[in-house]
PDB file of N, CA and C in Angstrom:
ATOM      1  N   MET A   1      73.281 103.035 124.807  1.00  0.00           N
ATOM      2  CA  MET A   1      74.160 102.614 123.728  1.00  0.00           C
ATOM      3  C   MET A   1      73.786 101.199 123.303  1.00  0.00           C
ATOM      4  N   GLY A   2      73.627 101.009 121.998  1.00  0.00           N
ATOM      5  CA  GLY A   2      73.254  99.709 121.458  1.00  0.00           C
ATOM      6  C   GLY A   2      74.425  98.752 121.383  1.00  0.00           C
ATOM      7  N   LYS A   3      74.113  97.478 121.144  1.00  0.00           N
ATOM      8  CA  LYS A   3      75.158  96.450 121.070  1.00  0.00           C
ATOM      9  C   LYS A   3      76.132  96.716 119.933  1.00  0.00           C
ATOM     10  N   SER A   4      75.634  97.172 118.776  1.00  0.00           N
ATOM     11  CA  SER A   4      76.540  97.421 117.652  1.00  0.00           C
ATOM     12  C   SER A   4      77.528  98.530 117.989  1.00  0.00           C
ATOM     13  N   GLU A   5      77.077  99.545 118.742  1.00  0.00           N
ATOM     14  CA  GLU A   5      77.977 100.618 119.150  1.00  0.00           C
ATOM     15  C   GLU A   5      79.013 100.110 120.145  1.00  0.00           C
ATOM     16  N   LEU A   6      78.607  99.196 121.037  1.00  0.00           N
ATOM     17  CA  LEU A   6      79.559  98.612 121.989  1.00  0.00           C
ATOM     18  C   LEU A   6      80.611  97.784 121.269  1.00  0.00           C
ATOM     19  N   ILE A   7      80.175  97.013 120.279  1.00  0.00           N
ATOM     20  CA  ILE A   7      81.121  96.201 119.504  1.00  0.00           C
ATOM     21  C   ILE A   7      82.098  97.113 118.782  1.00  0.00           C
ATOM     22  N   LEU A   8      81.578  98.156 118.139  1.00  0.00           N
ATOM     23  CA  LEU A   8      82.440  99.087 117.417  1.00  0.00           C
ATOM     24  C   LEU A   8      83.397  99.784 118.370  1.00  0.00           C
ATOM     25  N   ARG A   9      82.912 100.169 119.558  1.00  0.00           N
ATOM     26  CA  ARG A   9      83.791 100.811 120.536  1.00  0.00           C
ATOM     27  C   ARG A   9      84.921  99.869 120.938  1.00  0.00           C
ATOM     28  N   GLY A  10      84.609  98.573 121.114  1.00  0.00           N
ATOM     29  CA  GLY A  10      85.645  97.597 121.455  1.00  0.00           C
ATOM     30  C   GLY A  10      86.680  97.463 120.359  1.00  0.00           C
ATOM     31  N   VAL A  11      86.217  97.457 119.119  1.00  0.00           N
ATOM     32  CA  VAL A  11      87.142  97.368 117.982  1.00  0.00           C
ATOM     33  C   VAL A  11      87.983  98.640 117.901  1.00  0.00           C
ATOM     34  N   ILE A  12      87.359  99.790 118.125  1.00  0.00           N
ATOM     35  CA  ILE A  12      88.109 101.049 118.085  1.00  0.00           C
ATOM     36  C   ILE A  12      89.111 101.112 119.229  1.00  0.00           C
ATOM     37  N   THR A  13      88.764 100.573 120.393  1.00  0.00           N
ATOM     38  CA  THR A  13      89.723 100.510 121.504  1.00  0.00           C
ATOM     39  C   THR A  13      90.951  99.711 121.085  1.00  0.00           C
ATOM     40  N   LEU A  14      90.730  98.580 120.435  1.00  0.00           N
ATOM     41  CA  LEU A  14      91.860  97.784 119.943  1.00  0.00           C
ATOM     42  C   LEU A  14      92.658  98.560 118.903  1.00  0.00           C
ATOM     43  N   TYR A  15      91.967  99.301 118.049  1.00  0.00           N
ATOM     44  CA  TYR A  15      92.658 100.095 117.035  1.00  0.00           C
ATOM     45  C   TYR A  15      93.487 101.205 117.685  1.00  0.00           C
ATOM     46  N   VAL A  16      92.943 101.849 118.707  1.00  0.00           N
ATOM     47  CA  VAL A  16      93.676 102.882 119.446  1.00  0.00           C
ATOM     48  C   VAL A  16      94.948 102.285 120.036  1.00  0.00           C
ATOM     49  N   ILE A  17      94.827 101.124 120.662  1.00  0.00           N
ATOM     50  CA  ILE A  17      95.999 100.472 121.258  1.00  0.00           C
ATOM     51  C   ILE A  17      97.025 100.144 120.183  1.00  0.00           C
ATOM     52  N   SER A  18      96.567  99.662 119.031  1.00  0.00           N
ATOM     53  CA  SER A  18      97.512  99.326 117.955  1.00  0.00           C
ATOM     54  C   SER A  18      98.257 100.569 117.480  1.00  0.00           C
ATOM     55  N   GLU A  19      97.568 101.703 117.407  1.00  0.00           N
ATOM     56  CA  GLU A  19      98.225 102.953 117.013  1.00  0.00           C
ATOM     57  C   GLU A  19      99.236 103.391 118.070  1.00  0.00           C
ATOM     58  N   LEU A  20      98.872 103.234 119.343  1.00  0.00           N
ATOM     59  CA  LEU A  20      99.769 103.652 120.422  1.00  0.00           C
ATOM     60  C   LEU A  20     100.959 102.719 120.580  1.00  0.00           C
ATOM     61  N   ILE A  21     100.831 101.481 120.118  1.00  0.00           N
ATOM     62  CA  ILE A  21     101.992 100.586 120.105  1.00  0.00           C
ATOM     63  C   ILE A  21     103.034 101.154 119.143  1.00  0.00           C
ATOM     64  N   ASP A  22     102.547 101.724 118.031  1.00  0.00           N
ATOM     65  CA  ASP A  22     103.453 102.311 117.040  1.00  0.00           C
ATOM     66  C   ASP A  22     104.122 103.580 117.545  1.00  0.00           C
ATOM     67  N   LYS A  23     103.325 104.457 118.181  1.00  0.00           N
ATOM     68  CA  LYS A  23     103.899 105.706 118.705  1.00  0.00           C
ATOM     69  C   LYS A  23     102.908 106.385 119.640  1.00  0.00           C
ATOM     70  N   PRO A  24     103.413 107.109 120.647  1.00  0.00           N
ATOM     71  CA  PRO A  24     102.535 107.879 121.527  1.00  0.00           C
ATOM     72  C   PRO A  24     101.814 108.963 120.717  1.00  0.00           C
ATOM     73  N   MET A  25     100.577 109.250 121.082  1.00  0.00           N
ATOM     74  CA  MET A  25      99.792 110.278 120.386  1.00  0.00           C
ATOM     75  C   MET A  25      98.870 110.991 121.353  1.00  0.00           C
ATOM     76  N   ASN A  26      98.430 112.173 120.943  1.00  0.00           N
ATOM     77  CA  ASN A  26      97.401 112.866 121.722  1.00  0.00           C
ATOM     78  C   ASN A  26      96.026 112.493 121.173  1.00  0.00           C
ATOM     79  N   GLY A  27      94.983 112.892 121.872  1.00  0.00           N
ATOM     80  CA  GLY A  27      93.621 112.525 121.486  1.00  0.00           C
ATOM     81  C   GLY A  27      93.238 113.005 120.099  1.00  0.00           C
ATOM     82  N   TYR A  28      93.653 114.225 119.762  1.00  0.00           N
ATOM     83  CA  TYR A  28      93.322 114.775 118.446  1.00  0.00           C
ATOM     84  C   TYR A  28      93.946 113.940 117.328  1.00  0.00           C
ATOM     85  N   GLU A  29      95.224 113.580 117.501  1.00  0.00           N
ATOM     86  CA  GLU A  29      95.902 112.757 116.483  1.00  0.00           C
ATOM     87  C   GLU A  29      95.203 111.410 116.316  1.00  0.00           C
ATOM     88  N   LEU A  30      94.834 110.799 117.431  1.00  0.00           N
ATOM     89  CA  LEU A  30      94.139 109.508 117.377  1.00  0.00           C
ATOM     90  C   LEU A  30      92.794 109.636 116.679  1.00  0.00           C
ATOM     91  N   GLU A  31      92.042 110.665 117.039  1.00  0.00           N
ATOM     92  CA  GLU A  31      90.728 110.877 116.434  1.00  0.00           C
ATOM     93  C   GLU A  31      90.855 111.070 114.921  1.00  0.00           C
ATOM     94  N   LYS A  32      91.832 111.854 114.516  1.00  0.00           N
ATOM     95  CA  LYS A  32      92.058 112.117 113.089  1.00  0.00           C
ATOM     96  C   LYS A  32      92.449 110.833 112.358  1.00  0.00           C
ATOM     97  N   THR A  33      93.368 110.068 112.933  1.00  0.00           N
ATOM     98  CA  THR A  33      93.828 108.817 112.330  1.00  0.00           C
ATOM     99  C   THR A  33      92.680 107.824 112.170  1.00  0.00           C
ATOM    100  N   ILE A  34      91.889 107.662 113.215  1.00  0.00           N
ATOM    101  CA  ILE A  34      90.783 106.699 113.181  1.00  0.00           C
ATOM    102  C   ILE A  34      89.698 107.153 112.208  1.00  0.00           C
ATOM    103  N   SER A  35      89.386 108.442 112.205  1.00  0.00           N
ATOM    104  CA  SER A  35      88.384 108.959 111.268  1.00  0.00           C
ATOM    105  C   SER A  35      88.817 108.723 109.824  1.00  0.00           C
ATOM    106  N   GLU A  36      90.104 108.918 109.549  1.00  0.00           N
ATOM    107  CA  GLU A  36      90.618 108.659 108.197  1.00  0.00           C
ATOM    108  C   GLU A  36      90.484 107.180 107.853  1.00  0.00           C
ATOM    109  N   ARG A  37      90.783 106.329 108.798  1.00  0.00           N
ATOM    110  CA  ARG A  37      90.709 104.882 108.572  1.00  0.00           C
ATOM    111  C   ARG A  37      89.265 104.438 108.340  1.00  0.00           C
ATOM    112  N   LEU A  38      88.345 104.985 109.124  1.00  0.00           N
ATOM    113  CA  LEU A  38      86.929 104.625 108.998  1.00  0.00           C
ATOM    114  C   LEU A  38      86.265 105.320 107.808  1.00  0.00           C
ATOM    115  N   MET A  39      86.953 106.331 107.281  1.00  0.00           N
ATOM    116  CA  MET A  39      86.403 107.184 106.221  1.00  0.00           C
ATOM    117  C   MET A  39      85.081 107.799 106.674  1.00  0.00           C
ATOM    118  N   LYS A  40      85.039 108.113 107.969  1.00  0.00           N
ATOM    119  CA  LYS A  40      83.846 108.698 108.579  1.00  0.00           C
ATOM    120  C   LYS A  40      84.284 109.409 109.854  1.00  0.00           C
ATOM    121  N   GLU A  41      83.733 110.592 110.079  1.00  0.00           N
ATOM    122  CA  GLU A  41      84.063 111.326 111.299  1.00  0.00           C
ATOM    123  C   GLU A  41      83.552 110.566 112.521  1.00  0.00           C
ATOM    124  N   MET A  42      84.383 110.505 113.542  1.00  0.00           N
ATOM    125  CA  MET A  42      83.934 109.919 114.806  1.00  0.00           C
ATOM    126  C   MET A  42      83.023 110.926 115.499  1.00  0.00           C
ATOM    127  N   PRO A  43      82.034 110.446 116.244  1.00  0.00           N
ATOM    128  CA  PRO A  43      81.200 111.392 117.004  1.00  0.00           C
ATOM    129  C   PRO A  43      82.083 112.248 117.916  1.00  0.00           C
ATOM    130  N   ARG A  44      81.787 113.521 117.964  1.00  0.00           N
ATOM    131  CA  ARG A  44      82.609 114.473 118.718  1.00  0.00           C
ATOM    132  C   ARG A  44      82.807 114.003 120.162  1.00  0.00           C
ATOM    133  N   GLY A  45      84.061 113.935 120.567  1.00  0.00           N
ATOM    134  CA  GLY A  45      84.405 113.580 121.937  1.00  0.00           C
ATOM    135  C   GLY A  45      84.440 112.095 122.246  1.00  0.00           C
ATOM    136  N   SER A  46      84.008 111.253 121.302  1.00  0.00           N
ATOM    137  CA  SER A  46      83.940 109.813 121.601  1.00  0.00           C
ATOM    138  C   SER A  46      85.323 109.209 121.833  1.00  0.00           C
ATOM    139  N   ILE A  47      86.344 109.744 121.174  1.00  0.00           N
ATOM    140  CA  ILE A  47      87.698 109.211 121.372  1.00  0.00           C
ATOM    141  C   ILE A  47      88.122 109.397 122.829  1.00  0.00           C
ATOM    142  N   TYR A  48      87.690 110.497 123.442  1.00  0.00           N
ATOM    143  CA  TYR A  48      88.096 110.771 124.820  1.00  0.00           C
ATOM    144  C   TYR A  48      87.409 109.831 125.811  1.00  0.00           C
ATOM    145  N   VAL A  49      86.209 109.395 125.495  1.00  0.00           N
ATOM    146  CA  VAL A  49      85.525 108.388 126.316  1.00  0.00           C
ATOM    147  C   VAL A  49      86.300 107.074 126.232  1.00  0.00           C
ATOM    148  N   ILE A  50      86.704 106.704 125.028  1.00  0.00           N
ATOM    149  CA  ILE A  50      87.476 105.475 124.821  1.00  0.00           C
ATOM    150  C   ILE A  50      88.815 105.569 125.543  1.00  0.00           C
ATOM    151  N   LEU A  51      89.494 106.713 125.424  1.00  0.00           N
ATOM    152  CA  LEU A  51      90.788 106.905 126.094  1.00  0.00           C
ATOM    153  C   LEU A  51      90.633 106.850 127.613  1.00  0.00           C
ATOM    154  N   LYS A  52      89.579 107.463 128.131  1.00  0.00           N
ATOM    155  CA  LYS A  52      89.345 107.454 129.583  1.00  0.00           C
ATOM    156  C   LYS A  52      89.114 106.027 130.081  1.00  0.00           C
ATOM    157  N   ASN A  53      88.284 105.266 129.365  1.00  0.00           N
ATOM    158  CA  ASN A  53      88.012 103.881 129.767  1.00  0.00           C
ATOM    159  C   ASN A  53      89.261 103.015 129.678  1.00  0.00           C
ATOM    160  N   ALA A  54      90.021 103.158 128.603  1.00  0.00           N
ATOM    161  CA  ALA A  54      91.252 102.373 128.441  1.00  0.00           C
ATOM    162  C   ALA A  54      92.272 102.752 129.506  1.00  0.00           C
ATOM    163  N   SER A  55      92.316 104.022 129.852  1.00  0.00           N
ATOM    164  CA  SER A  55      93.232 104.491 130.893  1.00  0.00           C
ATOM    165  C   SER A  55      92.819 103.946 132.260  1.00  0.00           C
ATOM    166  N   ARG A  56      91.513 103.965 132.530  1.00  0.00           N
ATOM    167  CA  ARG A  56      90.998 103.435 133.801  1.00  0.00           C
ATOM    168  C   ARG A  56      91.326 101.949 133.954  1.00  0.00           C
ATOM    169  N   LYS A  57      91.311 101.225 132.827  1.00  0.00           N
ATOM    170  CA  LYS A  57      91.637  99.793 132.844  1.00  0.00           C
ATOM    171  C   LYS A  57      93.144  99.546 132.791  1.00  0.00           C
ATOM    172  N   ARG A  58      93.912 100.627 132.764  1.00  0.00           N
ATOM    173  CA  ARG A  58      95.381 100.590 132.720  1.00  0.00           C
ATOM    174  C   ARG A  58      95.924  99.944 131.434  1.00  0.00           C
ATOM    175  N   LEU A  59      95.165 100.076 130.348  1.00  0.00           N
ATOM    176  CA  LEU A  59      95.629  99.589 129.047  1.00  0.00           C
ATOM    177  C   LEU A  59      96.522 100.634 128.391  1.00  0.00           C
ATOM    178  N   ILE A  60      96.280 101.887 128.750  1.00  0.00           N
ATOM    179  CA  ILE A  60      97.103 102.998 128.273  1.00  0.00           C
ATOM    180  C   ILE A  60      97.397 103.900 129.458  1.00  0.00           C
ATOM    181  N   LYS A  61      98.379 104.771 129.290  1.00  0.00           N
ATOM    182  CA  LYS A  61      98.638 105.768 130.328  1.00  0.00           C
ATOM    183  C   LYS A  61      98.751 107.134 129.662  1.00  0.00           C
ATOM    184  N   CYS A  62      98.492 108.146 130.442  1.00  0.00           N
ATOM    185  CA  CYS A  62      98.460 109.515 129.954  1.00  0.00           C
ATOM    186  C   CYS A  62      99.551 110.324 130.649  1.00  0.00           C
ATOM    187  N   GLU A  63     100.246 111.116 129.857  1.00  0.00           N
ATOM    188  CA  GLU A  63     101.271 111.999 130.401  1.00  0.00           C
ATOM    189  C   GLU A  63     101.014 113.394 129.838  1.00  0.00           C
ATOM    190  N   VAL A  64     101.050 114.394 130.692  1.00  0.00           N
ATOM    191  CA  VAL A  64     100.868 115.770 130.237  1.00  0.00           C
ATOM    192  C   VAL A  64     102.244 116.341 129.923  1.00  0.00           C
ATOM    193  N   ILE A  65     102.391 116.793 128.670  1.00  0.00           N
ATOM    194  CA  ILE A  65     103.661 117.384 128.243  1.00  0.00           C
ATOM    195  C   ILE A  65     103.394 118.782 127.691  1.00  0.00           C
ATOM    196  N   GLU A  66     104.458 119.541 127.535  1.00  0.00           N
ATOM    197  CA  GLU A  66     104.348 120.864 126.931  1.00  0.00           C
ATOM    198  C   GLU A  66     104.809 120.757 125.485  1.00  0.00           C
ATOM    199  N   ASN A  67     103.959 121.200 124.555  1.00  0.00           N
ATOM    200  CA  ASN A  67     104.331 121.109 123.142  1.00  0.00           C
ATOM    201  C   ASN A  67     105.226 122.281 122.744  1.00  0.00           C
ATOM    202  N   SER A  68     105.573 122.345 121.466  1.00  0.00           N
ATOM    203  CA  SER A  68     106.504 123.364 120.976  1.00  0.00           C
ATOM    204  C   SER A  68     105.950 124.787 121.113  1.00  0.00           C
ATOM    205  N   ARG A  69     104.633 124.915 121.249  1.00  0.00           N
ATOM    206  CA  ARG A  69     104.015 126.236 121.419  1.00  0.00           C
ATOM    207  C   ARG A  69     103.760 126.574 122.887  1.00  0.00           C
ATOM    208  N   GLY A  70     104.266 125.737 123.781  1.00  0.00           N
ATOM    209  CA  GLY A  70     104.107 125.983 125.208  1.00  0.00           C
ATOM    210  C   GLY A  70     102.772 125.555 125.781  1.00  0.00           C
ATOM    211  N   GLN A  71     101.973 124.837 124.993  1.00  0.00           N
ATOM    212  CA  GLN A  71     100.669 124.362 125.460  1.00  0.00           C
ATOM    213  C   GLN A  71     100.819 123.004 126.130  1.00  0.00           C
ATOM    214  N   LYS A  72     100.028 122.779 127.164  1.00  0.00           N
ATOM    215  CA  LYS A  72     100.028 121.468 127.823  1.00  0.00           C
ATOM    216  C   LYS A  72      99.119 120.534 127.038  1.00  0.00           C
ATOM    217  N   VAL A  73      99.643 119.360 126.702  1.00  0.00           N
ATOM    218  CA  VAL A  73      98.926 118.383 125.882  1.00  0.00           C
ATOM    219  C   VAL A  73      99.023 117.016 126.549  1.00  0.00           C
ATOM    220  N   LYS A  74      97.896 116.273 126.546  1.00  0.00           N
ATOM    221  CA  LYS A  74      97.907 114.903 127.059  1.00  0.00           C
ATOM    222  C   LYS A  74      98.366 113.973 125.943  1.00  0.00           C
ATOM    223  N   VAL A  75      99.414 113.211 126.231  1.00  0.00           N
ATOM    224  CA  VAL A  75      99.930 112.237 125.268  1.00  0.00           C
ATOM    225  C   VAL A  75      99.732 110.850 125.867  1.00  0.00           C
ATOM    226  N   TYR A  76      99.202 109.956 125.053  1.00  0.00           N
ATOM    227  CA  TYR A  76      98.866 108.607 125.504  1.00  0.00           C
ATOM    228  C   TYR A  76      99.874 107.601 124.976  1.00  0.00           C
ATOM    229  N   THR A  77     100.239 106.656 125.839  1.00  0.00           N
ATOM    230  CA  THR A  77     101.110 105.545 125.451  1.00  0.00           C
ATOM    231  C   THR A  77     100.466 104.250 125.929  1.00  0.00           C
ATOM    232  N   VAL A  78     100.808 103.171 125.264  1.00  0.00           N
ATOM    233  CA  VAL A  78     100.246 101.873 125.641  1.00  0.00           C
ATOM    234  C   VAL A  78     101.091 101.273 126.767  1.00  0.00           C
ATOM    235  N   THR A  79     100.441 100.587 127.680  1.00  0.00           N
ATOM    236  CA  THR A  79     101.134  99.913 128.780  1.00  0.00           C
ATOM    237  C   THR A  79     101.403  98.456 128.394  1.00  0.00           C
ATOM    238  N   ASP A  80     102.186  97.766 129.206  1.00  0.00           N
ATOM    239  CA  ASP A  80     102.408  96.331 128.970  1.00  0.00           C
ATOM    240  C   ASP A  80     101.081  95.571 129.035  1.00  0.00           C
ATOM    241  N   LYS A  81     100.222  95.969 129.968  1.00  0.00           N
ATOM    242  CA  LYS A  81      98.902  95.341 130.077  1.00  0.00           C
ATOM    243  C   LYS A  81      98.092  95.588 128.800  1.00  0.00           C
ATOM    244  N   GLY A  82      98.210  96.780 128.236  1.00  0.00           N
ATOM    245  CA  GLY A  82      97.520  97.108 126.991  1.00  0.00           C
ATOM    246  C   GLY A  82      98.020  96.280 125.824  1.00  0.00           C
ATOM    247  N   LYS A  83      99.339  96.076 125.760  1.00  0.00           N
ATOM    248  CA  LYS A  83      99.912  95.235 124.692  1.00  0.00           C
ATOM    249  C   LYS A  83      99.407  93.802 124.823  1.00  0.00           C
ATOM    250  N   GLU A  84      99.409  93.305 126.049  1.00  0.00           N
ATOM    251  CA  GLU A  84      98.926  91.941 126.295  1.00  0.00           C
ATOM    252  C   GLU A  84      97.452  91.821 125.886  1.00  0.00           C
ATOM    253  N   PHE A  85      96.649  92.803 126.266  1.00  0.00           N
ATOM    254  CA  PHE A  85      95.232  92.848 125.908  1.00  0.00           C
ATOM    255  C   PHE A  85      95.067  92.823 124.385  1.00  0.00           C
ATOM    256  N   PHE A  86      95.862  93.609 123.695  1.00  0.00           N
ATOM    257  CA  PHE A  86      95.799  93.700 122.231  1.00  0.00           C
ATOM    258  C   PHE A  86      96.147  92.364 121.580  1.00  0.00           C
ATOM    259  N   TYR A  87      97.282  91.792 121.953  1.00  0.00           N
ATOM    260  CA  TYR A  87      97.739  90.554 121.310  1.00  0.00           C
ATOM    261  C   TYR A  87      96.834  89.364 121.641  1.00  0.00           C
ATOM    262  N   LYS A  88      96.165  89.417 122.790  1.00  0.00           N
ATOM    263  CA  LYS A  88      95.243  88.357 123.194  1.00  0.00           C
ATOM    264  C   LYS A  88      94.019  88.288 122.276  1.00  0.00           C
ATOM    265  N   HIS A  89      93.764  89.336 121.533  1.00  0.00           N
ATOM    266  CA  HIS A  89      92.573  89.397 120.682  1.00  0.00           C
ATOM    267  C   HIS A  89      92.789  88.861 119.268  1.00  0.00           C
ATOM    268  N   GLU A  90      93.968  88.338 118.978  1.00  0.00           N
ATOM    269  CA  GLU A  90      94.217  87.837 117.617  1.00  0.00           C
ATOM    270  C   GLU A  90      93.234  86.732 117.228  1.00  0.00           C
ATOM    271  N   GLU A  91      93.097  85.721 118.065  1.00  0.00           N
ATOM    272  CA  GLU A  91      92.209  84.598 117.734  1.00  0.00           C
ATOM    273  C   GLU A  91      90.734  85.025 117.680  1.00  0.00           C
ATOM    274  N   PRO A  92      90.224  85.735 118.708  1.00  0.00           N
ATOM    275  CA  PRO A  92      88.819  86.155 118.611  1.00  0.00           C
ATOM    276  C   PRO A  92      88.538  87.026 117.383  1.00  0.00           C
ATOM    277  N   LEU A  93      89.484  87.895 117.022  1.00  0.00           N
ATOM    278  CA  LEU A  93      89.287  88.735 115.840  1.00  0.00           C
ATOM    279  C   LEU A  93      89.296  87.906 114.561  1.00  0.00           C
ATOM    280  N   SER A  94      90.142  86.886 114.517  1.00  0.00           N
ATOM    281  CA  SER A  94      90.173  86.000 113.344  1.00  0.00           C
ATOM    282  C   SER A  94      88.844  85.274 113.184  1.00  0.00           C
ATOM    283  N   ILE A  95      88.298  84.801 114.283  1.00  0.00           N
ATOM    284  CA  ILE A  95      86.995  84.122 114.252  1.00  0.00           C
ATOM    285  C   ILE A  95      85.914  85.111 113.815  1.00  0.00           C
ATOM    286  N   ALA A  96      85.929  86.300 114.411  1.00  0.00           N
ATOM    287  CA  ALA A  96      84.930  87.319 114.076  1.00  0.00           C
ATOM    288  C   ALA A  96      85.024  87.721 112.609  1.00  0.00           C
ATOM    289  N   LYS A  97      86.240  87.797 112.089  1.00  0.00           N
ATOM    290  CA  LYS A  97      86.430  88.170 110.681  1.00  0.00           C
ATOM    291  C   LYS A  97      85.698  87.190 109.764  1.00  0.00           C
ATOM    292  N   GLY A  98      85.849  85.902 110.022  1.00  0.00           N
ATOM    293  CA  GLY A  98      85.175  84.888 109.215  1.00  0.00           C
ATOM    294  C   GLY A  98      83.664  85.004 109.299  1.00  0.00           C
ATOM    295  N   ILE A  99      83.165  85.223 110.503  1.00  0.00           N
ATOM    296  CA  ILE A  99      81.721  85.360 110.704  1.00  0.00           C
ATOM    297  C   ILE A  99      81.206  86.616 110.000  1.00  0.00           C
ATOM    298  N   ILE A 100      81.934  87.712 110.137  1.00  0.00           N
ATOM    299  CA  ILE A 100      81.526  88.968 109.501  1.00  0.00           C
ATOM    300  C   ILE A 100      81.497  88.823 107.987  1.00  0.00           C
ATOM    301  N   GLU A 101      82.523  88.190 107.422  1.00  0.00           N
ATOM    302  CA  GLU A 101      82.547  87.982 105.968  1.00  0.00           C
ATOM    303  C   GLU A 101      81.348  87.155 105.515  1.00  0.00           C
ATOM    304  N   GLU A 102      81.026  86.110 106.271  1.00  0.00           N
ATOM    305  CA  GLU A 102      79.876  85.270 105.926  1.00  0.00           C
ATOM    306  C   GLU A 102      78.569  86.064 106.030  1.00  0.00           C
ATOM    307  N   LEU A 103      78.429  86.846 107.086  1.00  0.00           N
ATOM    308  CA  LEU A 103      77.216  87.650 107.256  1.00  0.00           C
ATOM    309  C   LEU A 103      77.058  88.679 106.139  1.00  0.00           C
ATOM    310  N   LEU A 104      78.147  89.319 105.759  1.00  0.00           N
ATOM    311  CA  LEU A 104      78.087  90.285 104.663  1.00  0.00           C
ATOM    312  C   LEU A 104      77.665  89.619 103.364  1.00  0.00           C
ATOM    313  N   GLU A 105      78.186  88.425 103.131  1.00  0.00           N
ATOM    314  CA  GLU A 105      77.810  87.674 101.933  1.00  0.00           C
ATOM    315  C   GLU A 105      76.311  87.361 101.954  1.00  0.00           C
ATOM    316  N   ARG A 106      75.802  86.936 103.102  1.00  0.00           N
ATOM    317  CA  ARG A 106      74.375  86.620 103.227  1.00  0.00           C
ATOM    318  C   ARG A 106      73.506  87.861 103.026  1.00  0.00           C
ATOM    319  N   ILE A 107      73.942  88.974 103.579  1.00  0.00           N
ATOM    320  CA  ILE A 107      73.190  90.226 103.409  1.00  0.00           C
ATOM    321  C   ILE A 107      73.102  90.575 101.929  1.00  0.00           C
ATOM    322  N   ARG A 108      74.231  90.482 101.238  1.00  0.00           N
ATOM    323  CA  ARG A 108      74.258  90.813  99.803  1.00  0.00           C
ATOM    324  C   ARG A 108      73.367  89.875  98.997  1.00  0.00           C
ATOM    325  N   GLU A 109      73.394  88.588  99.340  1.00  0.00           N
ATOM    326  CA  GLU A 109      72.561  87.607  98.630  1.00  0.00           C
ATOM    327  C   GLU A 109      71.076  87.899  98.834  1.00  0.00           C
ATOM    328  N   LYS A 110      70.708  88.198 100.055  1.00  0.00           N
ATOM    329  CA  LYS A 110      69.295  88.388 100.383  1.00  0.00           C
ATOM    330  C   LYS A 110      68.772  89.736  99.882  1.00  0.00           C
ATOM    331  N   LYS A 111      69.664  90.699  99.730  1.00  0.00           N
ATOM    332  CA  LYS A 111      69.272  92.013  99.223  1.00  0.00           C
ATOM    333  C   LYS A 111      68.938  91.969  97.737  1.00  0.00           C
ATOM    334  N   ASP A 112      69.638  91.122  97.011  1.00  0.00           N
ATOM    335  CA  ASP A 112      69.473  91.073  95.542  1.00  0.00           C
ATOM    336  C   ASP A 112      68.221  90.393  95.106  1.00  0.00           C
TER     337      ASP A 112
END
């Protein structure tokens, strides 16, 4: 996995946590929400790798529930540690945003 994919995975992990702060969701719902936001399909199964890693780090927790059709479904919720992790990233993301905007501007200038 390249550095750009690692950076994107980190950003998507933060996005997953932000969605779970709003409401618990299953993997399919998260994948659909993120794909809509990115306006691009996520690689098949990649959301589950992110969920597994976040769960292992105790940023989220998983509970198996039975849905209205009697199927067992894993539903993810954010933990207090996950909320702390998310809110701690405000400053680094603000710095990164400025750098990214500058880099995009430079790319556009040099392309023309």
